[in-house]
Amino acid sequence: MEEKGPSLDALMSVIREFVRERDWEQYQRPSALALSTAIEVGELLELFQWRNDNEIDQLLGTDEYREALSDEIADVIVYILRLADVTGIDPAEAVLAKMKRNASRYPVDEWRGKIPEKFK
């Protein structure tokens, strides 16, 4: 797989330095970071609220919408990476472990093209 852009560790370092320079560590407890993540996810969802797939596809063709979407995705990622950093969880290892569990739970030969009941 060809790597594009900075690694997760590099991003976490940038975020950590940003927080440190502003003396915000004191406020960034796990619960506050989890709540902030949820708030940012809500802001991300607002970009899709009351719009059908065709409308979203059209909006994705505009610089303004793409910039707003990019900003909200970045906000969610920043808070998630900061939460991982504060709690000592390696996000890359967490994703790989979760995908391994998912692969075991949803074998390809049984689940190709099917949606699990809990998602219907």
PDB file of N, CA and C in Angstrom:
ATOM      1  N   MET A   1       0.849  -1.172   0.000  1.00  0.00           N
ATOM      2  CA  MET A   1       0.000   0.000   0.000  1.00  0.00           C
ATOM      3  C   MET A   1       0.900   1.242   0.000  1.00  0.00           C
ATOM      4  N   GLU A   2       0.641   2.143  -0.918  1.00  0.00           N
ATOM      5  CA  GLU A   2       1.411   3.375  -1.008  1.00  0.00           C
ATOM      6  C   GLU A   2       0.924   4.357   0.048  1.00  0.00           C
ATOM      7  N   GLU A   3       1.872   4.897   0.826  1.00  0.00           N
ATOM      8  CA  GLU A   3       1.503   5.826   1.886  1.00  0.00           C
ATOM      9  C   GLU A   3       1.361   7.229   1.318  1.00  0.00           C
ATOM     10  N   LYS A   4       0.255   7.867   1.686  1.00  0.00           N
ATOM     11  CA  LYS A   4       0.013   9.247   1.283  1.00  0.00           C
ATOM     12  C   LYS A   4       0.002  10.104   2.533  1.00  0.00           C
ATOM     13  N   GLY A   5       0.668  11.238   2.481  1.00  0.00           N
ATOM     14  CA  GLY A   5       0.605  12.171   3.595  1.00  0.00           C
ATOM     15  C   GLY A   5       1.259  11.639   4.852  1.00  0.00           C
ATOM     16  N   PRO A   6       1.048  12.370   5.949  1.00  0.00           N
ATOM     17  CA  PRO A   6       1.702  12.002   7.215  1.00  0.00           C
ATOM     18  C   PRO A   6       1.079  10.757   7.852  1.00  0.00           C
ATOM     19  N   SER A   7       1.866  10.101   8.680  1.00  0.00           N
ATOM     20  CA  SER A   7       1.386   8.932   9.414  1.00  0.00           C
ATOM     21  C   SER A   7       0.477   9.373  10.561  1.00  0.00           C
ATOM     22  N   LEU A   8      -0.222   8.412  11.157  1.00  0.00           N
ATOM     23  CA  LEU A   8      -1.033   8.715  12.336  1.00  0.00           C
ATOM     24  C   LEU A   8      -0.165   9.260  13.468  1.00  0.00           C
ATOM     25  N   ASP A   9       1.019   8.674  13.645  1.00  0.00           N
ATOM     26  CA  ASP A   9       1.923   9.165  14.690  1.00  0.00           C
ATOM     27  C   ASP A   9       2.313  10.620  14.446  1.00  0.00           C
ATOM     28  N   ALA A  10       2.575  10.959  13.184  1.00  0.00           N
ATOM     29  CA  ALA A  10       2.932  12.347  12.861  1.00  0.00           C
ATOM     30  C   ALA A  10       1.761  13.283  13.133  1.00  0.00           C
ATOM     31  N   LEU A  11       0.550  12.864  12.761  1.00  0.00           N
ATOM     32  CA  LEU A  11      -0.629  13.688  13.035  1.00  0.00           C
ATOM     33  C   LEU A  11      -0.827  13.873  14.534  1.00  0.00           C
ATOM     34  N   MET A  12      -0.662  12.777  15.285  1.00  0.00           N
ATOM     35  CA  MET A  12      -0.826  12.871  16.734  1.00  0.00           C
ATOM     36  C   MET A  12       0.212  13.806  17.341  1.00  0.00           C
ATOM     37  N   SER A  13       1.406  13.806  16.815  1.00  0.00           N
ATOM     38  CA  SER A  13       2.450  14.725  17.299  1.00  0.00           C
ATOM     39  C   SER A  13       2.083  16.176  17.028  1.00  0.00           C
ATOM     40  N   VAL A  14       1.555  16.447  15.839  1.00  0.00           N
ATOM     41  CA  VAL A  14       1.125  17.813  15.500  1.00  0.00           C
ATOM     42  C   VAL A  14       0.012  18.267  16.442  1.00  0.00           C
ATOM     43  N   ILE A  15      -0.959  17.392  16.671  1.00  0.00           N
ATOM     44  CA  ILE A  15      -2.080  17.724  17.554  1.00  0.00           C
ATOM     45  C   ILE A  15      -1.574  17.924  18.981  1.00  0.00           C
ATOM     46  N   ARG A  16      -0.720  17.016  19.447  1.00  0.00           N
ATOM     47  CA  ARG A  16      -0.161  17.102  20.800  1.00  0.00           C
ATOM     48  C   ARG A  16       0.577  18.428  21.000  1.00  0.00           C
ATOM     49  N   GLU A  17       1.377  18.816  20.029  1.00  0.00           N
ATOM     50  CA  GLU A  17       2.124  20.082  20.128  1.00  0.00           C
ATOM     51  C   GLU A  17       1.174  21.275  20.136  1.00  0.00           C
ATOM     52  N   PHE A  18       0.158  21.254  19.296  1.00  0.00           N
ATOM     53  CA  PHE A  18      -0.837  22.322  19.252  1.00  0.00           C
ATOM     54  C   PHE A  18      -1.483  22.500  20.629  1.00  0.00           C
ATOM     55  N   VAL A  19      -1.866  21.387  21.236  1.00  0.00           N
ATOM     56  CA  VAL A  19      -2.503  21.418  22.565  1.00  0.00           C
ATOM     57  C   VAL A  19      -1.515  21.907  23.618  1.00  0.00           C
ATOM     58  N   ARG A  20      -0.306  21.384  23.575  1.00  0.00           N
ATOM     59  CA  ARG A  20       0.726  21.742  24.554  1.00  0.00           C
ATOM     60  C   ARG A  20       1.039  23.238  24.492  1.00  0.00           C
ATOM     61  N   GLU A  21       1.181  23.794  23.298  1.00  0.00           N
ATOM     62  CA  GLU A  21       1.496  25.221  23.149  1.00  0.00           C
ATOM     63  C   GLU A  21       0.426  26.116  23.778  1.00  0.00           C
ATOM     64  N   ARG A  22      -0.780  25.643  23.828  1.00  0.00           N
ATOM     65  CA  ARG A  22      -1.897  26.440  24.361  1.00  0.00           C
ATOM     66  C   ARG A  22      -2.247  26.077  25.803  1.00  0.00           C
ATOM     67  N   ASP A  23      -1.490  25.133  26.376  1.00  0.00           N
ATOM     68  CA  ASP A  23      -1.722  24.673  27.740  1.00  0.00           C
ATOM     69  C   ASP A  23      -3.143  24.146  27.913  1.00  0.00           C
ATOM     70  N   TRP A  24      -3.580  23.341  26.950  1.00  0.00           N
ATOM     71  CA  TRP A  24      -4.934  22.793  26.986  1.00  0.00           C
ATOM     72  C   TRP A  24      -4.990  21.371  27.528  1.00  0.00           C
ATOM     73  N   GLU A  25      -3.831  20.778  27.859  1.00  0.00           N
ATOM     74  CA  GLU A  25      -3.852  19.400  28.366  1.00  0.00           C
ATOM     75  C   GLU A  25      -4.776  19.280  29.572  1.00  0.00           C
ATOM     76  N   GLN A  26      -4.799  20.327  30.396  1.00  0.00           N
ATOM     77  CA  GLN A  26      -5.602  20.299  31.619  1.00  0.00           C
ATOM     78  C   GLN A  26      -7.091  20.107  31.348  1.00  0.00           C
ATOM     79  N   TYR A  27      -7.530  20.473  30.172  1.00  0.00           N
ATOM     80  CA  TYR A  27      -8.946  20.362  29.823  1.00  0.00           C
ATOM     81  C   TYR A  27      -9.272  19.101  29.036  1.00  0.00           C
ATOM     82  N   GLN A  28      -8.269  18.471  28.506  1.00  0.00           N
ATOM     83  CA  GLN A  28      -8.495  17.365  27.574  1.00  0.00           C
ATOM     84  C   GLN A  28      -8.444  16.014  28.262  1.00  0.00           C
ATOM     85  N   ARG A  29      -9.396  15.816  29.146  1.00  0.00           N
ATOM     86  CA  ARG A  29      -9.594  14.535  29.820  1.00  0.00           C
ATOM     87  C   ARG A  29     -10.360  13.611  28.862  1.00  0.00           C
ATOM     88  N   PRO A  30     -10.233  12.308  29.040  1.00  0.00           N
ATOM     89  CA  PRO A  30     -10.922  11.383  28.128  1.00  0.00           C
ATOM     90  C   PRO A  30     -12.413  11.672  27.959  1.00  0.00           C
ATOM     91  N   SER A  31     -13.115  11.952  29.052  1.00  0.00           N
ATOM     92  CA  SER A  31     -14.561  12.195  28.924  1.00  0.00           C
ATOM     93  C   SER A  31     -14.841  13.450  28.111  1.00  0.00           C
ATOM     94  N   ALA A  32     -14.061  14.502  28.309  1.00  0.00           N
ATOM     95  CA  ALA A  32     -14.258  15.740  27.542  1.00  0.00           C
ATOM     96  C   ALA A  32     -13.962  15.513  26.065  1.00  0.00           C
ATOM     97  N   LEU A  33     -12.945  14.724  25.780  1.00  0.00           N
ATOM     98  CA  LEU A  33     -12.597  14.440  24.385  1.00  0.00           C
ATOM     99  C   LEU A  33     -13.657  13.571  23.718  1.00  0.00           C
ATOM    100  N   ALA A  34     -14.203  12.601  24.455  1.00  0.00           N
ATOM    101  CA  ALA A  34     -15.275  11.765  23.902  1.00  0.00           C
ATOM    102  C   ALA A  34     -16.509  12.615  23.620  1.00  0.00           C
ATOM    103  N   LEU A  35     -16.876  13.496  24.544  1.00  0.00           N
ATOM    104  CA  LEU A  35     -18.023  14.376  24.325  1.00  0.00           C
ATOM    105  C   LEU A  35     -17.784  15.306  23.139  1.00  0.00           C
ATOM    106  N   SER A  36     -16.592  15.850  23.054  1.00  0.00           N
ATOM    107  CA  SER A  36     -16.265  16.745  21.936  1.00  0.00           C
ATOM    108  C   SER A  36     -16.323  16.011  20.607  1.00  0.00           C
ATOM    109  N   THR A  37     -15.902  14.748  20.596  1.00  0.00           N
ATOM    110  CA  THR A  37     -15.994  13.936  19.381  1.00  0.00           C
ATOM    111  C   THR A  37     -17.451  13.803  18.953  1.00  0.00           C
ATOM    112  N   ALA A  38     -18.321  13.503  19.908  1.00  0.00           N
ATOM    113  CA  ALA A  38     -19.753  13.349  19.592  1.00  0.00           C
ATOM    114  C   ALA A  38     -20.339  14.649  19.051  1.00  0.00           C
ATOM    115  N   ILE A  39     -19.944  15.755  19.631  1.00  0.00           N
ATOM    116  CA  ILE A  39     -20.429  17.062  19.160  1.00  0.00           C
ATOM    117  C   ILE A  39     -19.983  17.297  17.718  1.00  0.00           C
ATOM    118  N   GLU A  40     -18.727  16.996  17.435  1.00  0.00           N
ATOM    119  CA  GLU A  40     -18.216  17.189  16.075  1.00  0.00           C
ATOM    120  C   GLU A  40     -18.876  16.237  15.081  1.00  0.00           C
ATOM    121  N   VAL A  41     -19.176  15.020  15.506  1.00  0.00           N
ATOM    122  CA  VAL A  41     -19.896  14.095  14.627  1.00  0.00           C
ATOM    123  C   VAL A  41     -21.275  14.668  14.313  1.00  0.00           C
ATOM    124  N   GLY A  42     -21.908  15.293  15.301  1.00  0.00           N
ATOM    125  CA  GLY A  42     -23.194  15.952  15.058  1.00  0.00           C
ATOM    126  C   GLY A  42     -23.072  17.040  14.007  1.00  0.00           C
ATOM    127  N   GLU A  43     -22.005  17.821  14.083  1.00  0.00           N
ATOM    128  CA  GLU A  43     -21.789  18.869  13.083  1.00  0.00           C
ATOM    129  C   GLU A  43     -21.548  18.266  11.701  1.00  0.00           C
ATOM    130  N   LEU A  44     -20.862  17.140  11.652  1.00  0.00           N
ATOM    131  CA  LEU A  44     -20.665  16.428  10.388  1.00  0.00           C
ATOM    132  C   LEU A  44     -22.009  15.970   9.824  1.00  0.00           C
ATOM    133  N   LEU A  45     -22.845  15.417  10.679  1.00  0.00           N
ATOM    134  CA  LEU A  45     -24.158  14.932  10.236  1.00  0.00           C
ATOM    135  C   LEU A  45     -25.054  16.051   9.727  1.00  0.00           C
ATOM    136  N   GLU A  46     -24.900  17.244  10.272  1.00  0.00           N
ATOM    137  CA  GLU A  46     -25.705  18.373   9.804  1.00  0.00           C
ATOM    138  C   GLU A  46     -25.504  18.645   8.323  1.00  0.00           C
ATOM    139  N   LEU A  47     -24.333  18.326   7.816  1.00  0.00           N
ATOM    140  CA  LEU A  47     -24.060  18.544   6.398  1.00  0.00           C
ATOM    141  C   LEU A  47     -24.884  17.610   5.502  1.00  0.00           C
ATOM    142  N   PHE A  48     -25.416  16.541   6.086  1.00  0.00           N
ATOM    143  CA  PHE A  48     -26.208  15.565   5.338  1.00  0.00           C
ATOM    144  C   PHE A  48     -27.696  15.636   5.676  1.00  0.00           C
ATOM    145  N   GLN A  49     -28.000  16.348   6.740  1.00  0.00           N
ATOM    146  CA  GLN A  49     -29.379  16.398   7.232  1.00  0.00           C
ATOM    147  C   GLN A  49     -30.333  16.929   6.173  1.00  0.00           C
ATOM    148  N   TRP A  50     -31.450  16.229   6.011  1.00  0.00           N
ATOM    149  CA  TRP A  50     -32.546  16.617   5.123  1.00  0.00           C
ATOM    150  C   TRP A  50     -32.168  16.605   3.646  1.00  0.00           C
ATOM    151  N   ARG A  51     -31.074  15.952   3.302  1.00  0.00           N
ATOM    152  CA  ARG A  51     -30.654  15.895   1.899  1.00  0.00           C
ATOM    153  C   ARG A  51     -30.687  14.448   1.430  1.00  0.00           C
ATOM    154  N   ASN A  52     -31.134  14.254   0.183  1.00  0.00           N
ATOM    155  CA  ASN A  52     -31.103  12.908  -0.373  1.00  0.00           C
ATOM    156  C   ASN A  52     -29.742  12.681  -1.049  1.00  0.00           C
ATOM    157  N   ASP A  53     -29.524  11.466  -1.504  1.00  0.00           N
ATOM    158  CA  ASP A  53     -28.230  11.119  -2.103  1.00  0.00           C
ATOM    159  C   ASP A  53     -27.900  11.969  -3.323  1.00  0.00           C
ATOM    160  N   ASN A  54     -28.911  12.271  -4.153  1.00  0.00           N
ATOM    161  CA  ASN A  54     -28.659  13.105  -5.339  1.00  0.00           C
ATOM    162  C   ASN A  54     -28.211  14.512  -4.940  1.00  0.00           C
ATOM    163  N   GLU A  55     -28.862  15.077  -3.941  1.00  0.00           N
ATOM    164  CA  GLU A  55     -28.481  16.417  -3.484  1.00  0.00           C
ATOM    165  C   GLU A  55     -27.061  16.423  -2.929  1.00  0.00           C
ATOM    166  N   ILE A  56     -26.724  15.389  -2.182  1.00  0.00           N
ATOM    167  CA  ILE A  56     -25.377  15.298  -1.622  1.00  0.00           C
ATOM    168  C   ILE A  56     -24.350  15.153  -2.737  1.00  0.00           C
ATOM    169  N   ASP A  57     -24.655  14.319  -3.734  1.00  0.00           N
ATOM    170  CA  ASP A  57     -23.745  14.170  -4.872  1.00  0.00           C
ATOM    171  C   ASP A  57     -23.507  15.506  -5.568  1.00  0.00           C
ATOM    172  N   GLN A  58     -24.558  16.303  -5.729  1.00  0.00           N
ATOM    173  CA  GLN A  58     -24.408  17.630  -6.341  1.00  0.00           C
ATOM    174  C   GLN A  58     -23.565  18.539  -5.472  1.00  0.00           C
ATOM    175  N   LEU A  59     -23.831  18.523  -4.175  1.00  0.00           N
ATOM    176  CA  LEU A  59     -23.071  19.370  -3.260  1.00  0.00           C
ATOM    177  C   LEU A  59     -21.591  18.996  -3.227  1.00  0.00           C
ATOM    178  N   LEU A  60     -21.310  17.711  -3.374  1.00  0.00           N
ATOM    179  CA  LEU A  60     -19.916  17.273  -3.389  1.00  0.00           C
ATOM    180  C   LEU A  60     -19.142  17.850  -4.571  1.00  0.00           C
ATOM    181  N   GLY A  61     -19.848  18.348  -5.546  1.00  0.00           N
ATOM    182  CA  GLY A  61     -19.215  19.008  -6.685  1.00  0.00           C
ATOM    183  C   GLY A  61     -18.882  20.467  -6.433  1.00  0.00           C
ATOM    184  N   THR A  62     -19.219  20.978  -5.244  1.00  0.00           N
ATOM    185  CA  THR A  62     -18.937  22.387  -4.936  1.00  0.00           C
ATOM    186  C   THR A  62     -17.783  22.492  -3.946  1.00  0.00           C
ATOM    187  N   ASP A  63     -16.961  23.500  -4.160  1.00  0.00           N
ATOM    188  CA  ASP A  63     -15.826  23.727  -3.264  1.00  0.00           C
ATOM    189  C   ASP A  63     -16.294  24.048  -1.847  1.00  0.00           C
ATOM    190  N   GLU A  64     -17.348  24.816  -1.716  1.00  0.00           N
ATOM    191  CA  GLU A  64     -17.831  25.235  -0.403  1.00  0.00           C
ATOM    192  C   GLU A  64     -18.255  24.034   0.452  1.00  0.00           C
ATOM    193  N   TYR A  65     -19.030  23.144  -0.135  1.00  0.00           N
ATOM    194  CA  TYR A  65     -19.491  21.967   0.607  1.00  0.00           C
ATOM    195  C   TYR A  65     -18.322  21.046   0.933  1.00  0.00           C
ATOM    196  N   ARG A  66     -17.454  20.824  -0.031  1.00  0.00           N
ATOM    197  CA  ARG A  66     -16.300  19.950   0.199  1.00  0.00           C
ATOM    198  C   ARG A  66     -15.405  20.503   1.299  1.00  0.00           C
ATOM    199  N   GLU A  67     -15.238  21.813   1.342  1.00  0.00           N
ATOM    200  CA  GLU A  67     -14.418  22.420   2.400  1.00  0.00           C
ATOM    201  C   GLU A  67     -15.084  22.235   3.766  1.00  0.00           C
ATOM    202  N   ALA A  68     -16.396  22.447   3.823  1.00  0.00           N
ATOM    203  CA  ALA A  68     -17.121  22.260   5.081  1.00  0.00           C
ATOM    204  C   ALA A  68     -17.034  20.799   5.529  1.00  0.00           C
ATOM    205  N   LEU A  69     -17.215  19.872   4.597  1.00  0.00           N
ATOM    206  CA  LEU A  69     -17.126  18.449   4.907  1.00  0.00           C
ATOM    207  C   LEU A  69     -15.717  18.084   5.372  1.00  0.00           C
ATOM    208  N   SER A  70     -14.723  18.591   4.674  1.00  0.00           N
ATOM    209  CA  SER A  70     -13.332  18.345   5.046  1.00  0.00           C
ATOM    210  C   SER A  70     -13.043  18.844   6.457  1.00  0.00           C
ATOM    211  N   ASP A  71     -13.530  20.040   6.782  1.00  0.00           N
ATOM    212  CA  ASP A  71     -13.320  20.606   8.119  1.00  0.00           C
ATOM    213  C   ASP A  71     -13.945  19.744   9.198  1.00  0.00           C
ATOM    214  N   GLU A  72     -15.164  19.271   8.959  1.00  0.00           N
ATOM    215  CA  GLU A  72     -15.844  18.461   9.974  1.00  0.00           C
ATOM    216  C   GLU A  72     -15.195  17.091  10.118  1.00  0.00           C
ATOM    217  N   ILE A  73     -14.779  16.497   9.009  1.00  0.00           N
ATOM    218  CA  ILE A  73     -14.056  15.221   9.086  1.00  0.00           C
ATOM    219  C   ILE A  73     -12.767  15.417   9.879  1.00  0.00           C
ATOM    220  N   ALA A  74     -12.061  16.502   9.604  1.00  0.00           N
ATOM    221  CA  ALA A  74     -10.818  16.786  10.324  1.00  0.00           C
ATOM    222  C   ALA A  74     -11.081  16.966  11.818  1.00  0.00           C
ATOM    223  N   ASP A  75     -12.136  17.690  12.179  1.00  0.00           N
ATOM    224  CA  ASP A  75     -12.451  17.886  13.590  1.00  0.00           C
ATOM    225  C   ASP A  75     -12.686  16.557  14.298  1.00  0.00           C
ATOM    226  N   VAL A  76     -13.442  15.664  13.658  1.00  0.00           N
ATOM    227  CA  VAL A  76     -13.713  14.343  14.249  1.00  0.00           C
ATOM    228  C   VAL A  76     -12.403  13.573  14.413  1.00  0.00           C
ATOM    229  N   ILE A  77     -11.589  13.566  13.384  1.00  0.00           N
ATOM    230  CA  ILE A  77     -10.325  12.821  13.436  1.00  0.00           C
ATOM    231  C   ILE A  77      -9.401  13.397  14.505  1.00  0.00           C
ATOM    232  N   VAL A  78      -9.323  14.713  14.598  1.00  0.00           N
ATOM    233  CA  VAL A  78      -8.470  15.344  15.610  1.00  0.00           C
ATOM    234  C   VAL A  78      -8.879  14.895  17.009  1.00  0.00           C
ATOM    235  N   TYR A  79     -10.165  14.957  17.311  1.00  0.00           N
ATOM    236  CA  TYR A  79     -10.613  14.551  18.643  1.00  0.00           C
ATOM    237  C   TYR A  79     -10.389  13.064  18.886  1.00  0.00           C
ATOM    238  N   ILE A  80     -10.638  12.226  17.895  1.00  0.00           N
ATOM    239  CA  ILE A  80     -10.413  10.786  18.062  1.00  0.00           C
ATOM    240  C   ILE A  80      -8.929  10.497  18.290  1.00  0.00           C
ATOM    241  N   LEU A  81      -8.064  11.120  17.504  1.00  0.00           N
ATOM    242  CA  LEU A  81      -6.627  10.896  17.685  1.00  0.00           C
ATOM    243  C   LEU A  81      -6.152  11.431  19.032  1.00  0.00           C
ATOM    244  N   ARG A  82      -6.695  12.551  19.464  1.00  0.00           N
ATOM    245  CA  ARG A  82      -6.321  13.104  20.769  1.00  0.00           C
ATOM    246  C   ARG A  82      -6.793  12.183  21.889  1.00  0.00           C
ATOM    247  N   LEU A  83      -8.005  11.642  21.766  1.00  0.00           N
ATOM    248  CA  LEU A  83      -8.522  10.696  22.755  1.00  0.00           C
ATOM    249  C   LEU A  83      -7.630   9.455  22.818  1.00  0.00           C
ATOM    250  N   ALA A  84      -7.256   8.947  21.661  1.00  0.00           N
ATOM    251  CA  ALA A  84      -6.357   7.790  21.622  1.00  0.00           C
ATOM    252  C   ALA A  84      -5.032   8.125  22.297  1.00  0.00           C
ATOM    253  N   ASP A  85      -4.489   9.302  22.027  1.00  0.00           N
ATOM    254  CA  ASP A  85      -3.217   9.722  22.592  1.00  0.00           C
ATOM    255  C   ASP A  85      -3.301   9.832  24.116  1.00  0.00           C
ATOM    256  N   VAL A  86      -4.327  10.488  24.605  1.00  0.00           N
ATOM    257  CA  VAL A  86      -4.499  10.707  26.043  1.00  0.00           C
ATOM    258  C   VAL A  86      -4.703   9.388  26.788  1.00  0.00           C
ATOM    259  N   THR A  87      -5.358   8.424  26.150  1.00  0.00           N
ATOM    260  CA  THR A  87      -5.637   7.148  26.804  1.00  0.00           C
ATOM    261  C   THR A  87      -4.580   6.079  26.529  1.00  0.00           C
ATOM    262  N   GLY A  88      -3.581   6.408  25.715  1.00  0.00           N
ATOM    263  CA  GLY A  88      -2.512   5.462  25.435  1.00  0.00           C
ATOM    264  C   GLY A  88      -2.905   4.334  24.500  1.00  0.00           C
ATOM    265  N   ILE A  89      -3.886   4.598  23.644  1.00  0.00           N
ATOM    266  CA  ILE A  89      -4.316   3.597  22.672  1.00  0.00           C
ATOM    267  C   ILE A  89      -3.713   3.941  21.312  1.00  0.00           C
ATOM    268  N   ASP A  90      -3.063   2.968  20.695  1.00  0.00           N
ATOM    269  CA  ASP A  90      -2.515   3.162  19.358  1.00  0.00           C
ATOM    270  C   ASP A  90      -3.662   2.994  18.370  1.00  0.00           C
ATOM    271  N   PRO A  91      -4.068   4.074  17.680  1.00  0.00           N
ATOM    272  CA  PRO A  91      -5.235   3.973  16.799  1.00  0.00           C
ATOM    273  C   PRO A  91      -5.046   2.989  15.652  1.00  0.00           C
ATOM    274  N   ALA A  92      -3.860   2.901  15.101  1.00  0.00           N
ATOM    275  CA  ALA A  92      -3.623   1.954  14.004  1.00  0.00           C
ATOM    276  C   ALA A  92      -3.769   0.519  14.503  1.00  0.00           C
ATOM    277  N   GLU A  93      -3.200   0.214  15.667  1.00  0.00           N
ATOM    278  CA  GLU A  93      -3.333  -1.128  16.230  1.00  0.00           C
ATOM    279  C   GLU A  93      -4.790  -1.427  16.573  1.00  0.00           C
ATOM    280  N   ALA A  94      -5.514  -0.425  17.092  1.00  0.00           N
ATOM    281  CA  ALA A  94      -6.926  -0.612  17.446  1.00  0.00           C
ATOM    282  C   ALA A  94      -7.747  -0.949  16.206  1.00  0.00           C
ATOM    283  N   VAL A  95      -7.507  -0.234  15.114  1.00  0.00           N
ATOM    284  CA  VAL A  95      -8.250  -0.492  13.873  1.00  0.00           C
ATOM    285  C   VAL A  95      -7.927  -1.878  13.335  1.00  0.00           C
ATOM    286  N   LEU A  96      -6.656  -2.234  13.316  1.00  0.00           N
ATOM    287  CA  LEU A  96      -6.282  -3.557  12.801  1.00  0.00           C
ATOM    288  C   LEU A  96      -6.883  -4.675  13.649  1.00  0.00           C
ATOM    289  N   ALA A  97      -6.867  -4.520  14.969  1.00  0.00           N
ATOM    290  CA  ALA A  97      -7.454  -5.540  15.849  1.00  0.00           C
ATOM    291  C   ALA A  97      -8.959  -5.636  15.627  1.00  0.00           C
ATOM    292  N   LYS A  98      -9.622  -4.509  15.477  1.00  0.00           N
ATOM    293  CA  LYS A  98     -11.066  -4.509  15.251  1.00  0.00           C
ATOM    294  C   LYS A  98     -11.407  -5.144  13.910  1.00  0.00           C
ATOM    295  N   MET A  99     -10.653  -4.841  12.879  1.00  0.00           N
ATOM    296  CA  MET A  99     -10.907  -5.427  11.566  1.00  0.00           C
ATOM    297  C   MET A  99     -10.684  -6.944  11.592  1.00  0.00           C
ATOM    298  N   LYS A 100      -9.717  -7.398  12.377  1.00  0.00           N
ATOM    299  CA  LYS A 100      -9.486  -8.834  12.512  1.00  0.00           C
ATOM    300  C   LYS A 100     -10.701  -9.486  13.175  1.00  0.00           C
ATOM    301  N   ARG A 101     -11.234  -8.861  14.226  1.00  0.00           N
ATOM    302  CA  ARG A 101     -12.430  -9.393  14.879  1.00  0.00           C
ATOM    303  C   ARG A 101     -13.621  -9.359  13.914  1.00  0.00           C
ATOM    304  N   ASN A 102     -13.762  -8.267  13.146  1.00  0.00           N
ATOM    305  CA  ASN A 102     -14.854  -8.163  12.167  1.00  0.00           C
ATOM    306  C   ASN A 102     -14.754  -9.245  11.101  1.00  0.00           C
ATOM    307  N   ALA A 103     -13.537  -9.514  10.637  1.00  0.00           N
ATOM    308  CA  ALA A 103     -13.346 -10.549   9.613  1.00  0.00           C
ATOM    309  C   ALA A 103     -13.772 -11.914  10.135  1.00  0.00           C
ATOM    310  N   SER A 104     -13.505 -12.167  11.397  1.00  0.00           N
ATOM    311  CA  SER A 104     -13.906 -13.431  12.007  1.00  0.00           C
ATOM    312  C   SER A 104     -15.422 -13.486  12.209  1.00  0.00           C
ATOM    313  N   ARG A 105     -15.983 -12.365  12.591  1.00  0.00           N
ATOM    314  CA  ARG A 105     -17.426 -12.285  12.858  1.00  0.00           C
ATOM    315  C   ARG A 105     -18.259 -12.321  11.575  1.00  0.00           C
ATOM    316  N   TYR A 106     -17.740 -11.738  10.507  1.00  0.00           N
ATOM    317  CA  TYR A 106     -18.453 -11.640   9.232  1.00  0.00           C
ATOM    318  C   TYR A 106     -17.611 -12.262   8.108  1.00  0.00           C
ATOM    319  N   PRO A 107     -17.505 -13.585   8.067  1.00  0.00           N
ATOM    320  CA  PRO A 107     -16.706 -14.234   7.019  1.00  0.00           C
ATOM    321  C   PRO A 107     -17.230 -13.864   5.626  1.00  0.00           C
ATOM    322  N   VAL A 108     -16.323 -13.658   4.691  1.00  0.00           N
ATOM    323  CA  VAL A 108     -16.665 -13.237   3.336  1.00  0.00           C
ATOM    324  C   VAL A 108     -17.668 -14.181   2.689  1.00  0.00           C
ATOM    325  N   ASP A 109     -17.434 -15.491   2.801  1.00  0.00           N
ATOM    326  CA  ASP A 109     -18.308 -16.446   2.113  1.00  0.00           C
ATOM    327  C   ASP A 109     -19.743 -16.428   2.643  1.00  0.00           C
ATOM    328  N   GLU A 110     -19.949 -15.942   3.845  1.00  0.00           N
ATOM    329  CA  GLU A 110     -21.303 -15.871   4.414  1.00  0.00           C
ATOM    330  C   GLU A 110     -21.938 -14.487   4.266  1.00  0.00           C
ATOM    331  N   TRP A 111     -21.115 -13.462   4.159  1.00  0.00           N
ATOM    332  CA  TRP A 111     -21.646 -12.100   4.261  1.00  0.00           C
ATOM    333  C   TRP A 111     -21.504 -11.245   3.015  1.00  0.00           C
ATOM    334  N   ARG A 112     -20.891 -11.730   1.964  1.00  0.00           N
ATOM    335  CA  ARG A 112     -20.712 -10.907   0.759  1.00  0.00           C
ATOM    336  C   ARG A 112     -22.065 -10.409   0.266  1.00  0.00           C
ATOM    337  N   GLY A 113     -22.209  -9.089   0.176  1.00  0.00           N
ATOM    338  CA  GLY A 113     -23.418  -8.464  -0.342  1.00  0.00           C
ATOM    339  C   GLY A 113     -24.595  -8.437   0.621  1.00  0.00           C
ATOM    340  N   LYS A 114     -24.397  -8.882   1.857  1.00  0.00           N
ATOM    341  CA  LYS A 114     -25.482  -8.914   2.843  1.00  0.00           C
ATOM    342  C   LYS A 114     -25.240  -7.869   3.926  1.00  0.00           C
ATOM    343  N   ILE A 115     -26.334  -7.344   4.456  1.00  0.00           N
ATOM    344  CA  ILE A 115     -26.256  -6.384   5.555  1.00  0.00           C
ATOM    345  C   ILE A 115     -26.668  -7.115   6.830  1.00  0.00           C
ATOM    346  N   PRO A 116     -25.853  -7.045   7.883  1.00  0.00           N
ATOM    347  CA  PRO A 116     -26.255  -7.676   9.146  1.00  0.00           C
ATOM    348  C   PRO A 116     -27.596  -7.089   9.630  1.00  0.00           C
ATOM    349  N   GLU A 117     -28.411  -7.926  10.238  1.00  0.00           N
ATOM    350  CA  GLU A 117     -29.739  -7.531  10.707  1.00  0.00           C
ATOM    351  C   GLU A 117     -29.693  -6.261  11.569  1.00  0.00           C
ATOM    352  N   LYS A 118     -28.684  -6.145  12.421  1.00  0.00           N
ATOM    353  CA  LYS A 118     -28.650  -4.999  13.326  1.00  0.00           C
ATOM    354  C   LYS A 118     -28.467  -3.674  12.588  1.00  0.00           C
ATOM    355  N   PHE A 119     -28.086  -3.715  11.317  1.00  0.00           N
ATOM    356  CA  PHE A 119     -27.893  -2.488  10.542  1.00  0.00           C
ATOM    357  C   PHE A 119     -29.072  -2.175   9.624  1.00  0.00           C
ATOM    358  N   LYS A 120     -30.093  -3.034   9.626  1.00  0.00           N
ATOM    359  CA  LYS A 120     -31.238  -2.819   8.742  1.00  0.00           C
ATOM    360  C   LYS A 120     -32.222  -1.899   9.390  1.00  0.00           C
TER     361      LYS A 120
END
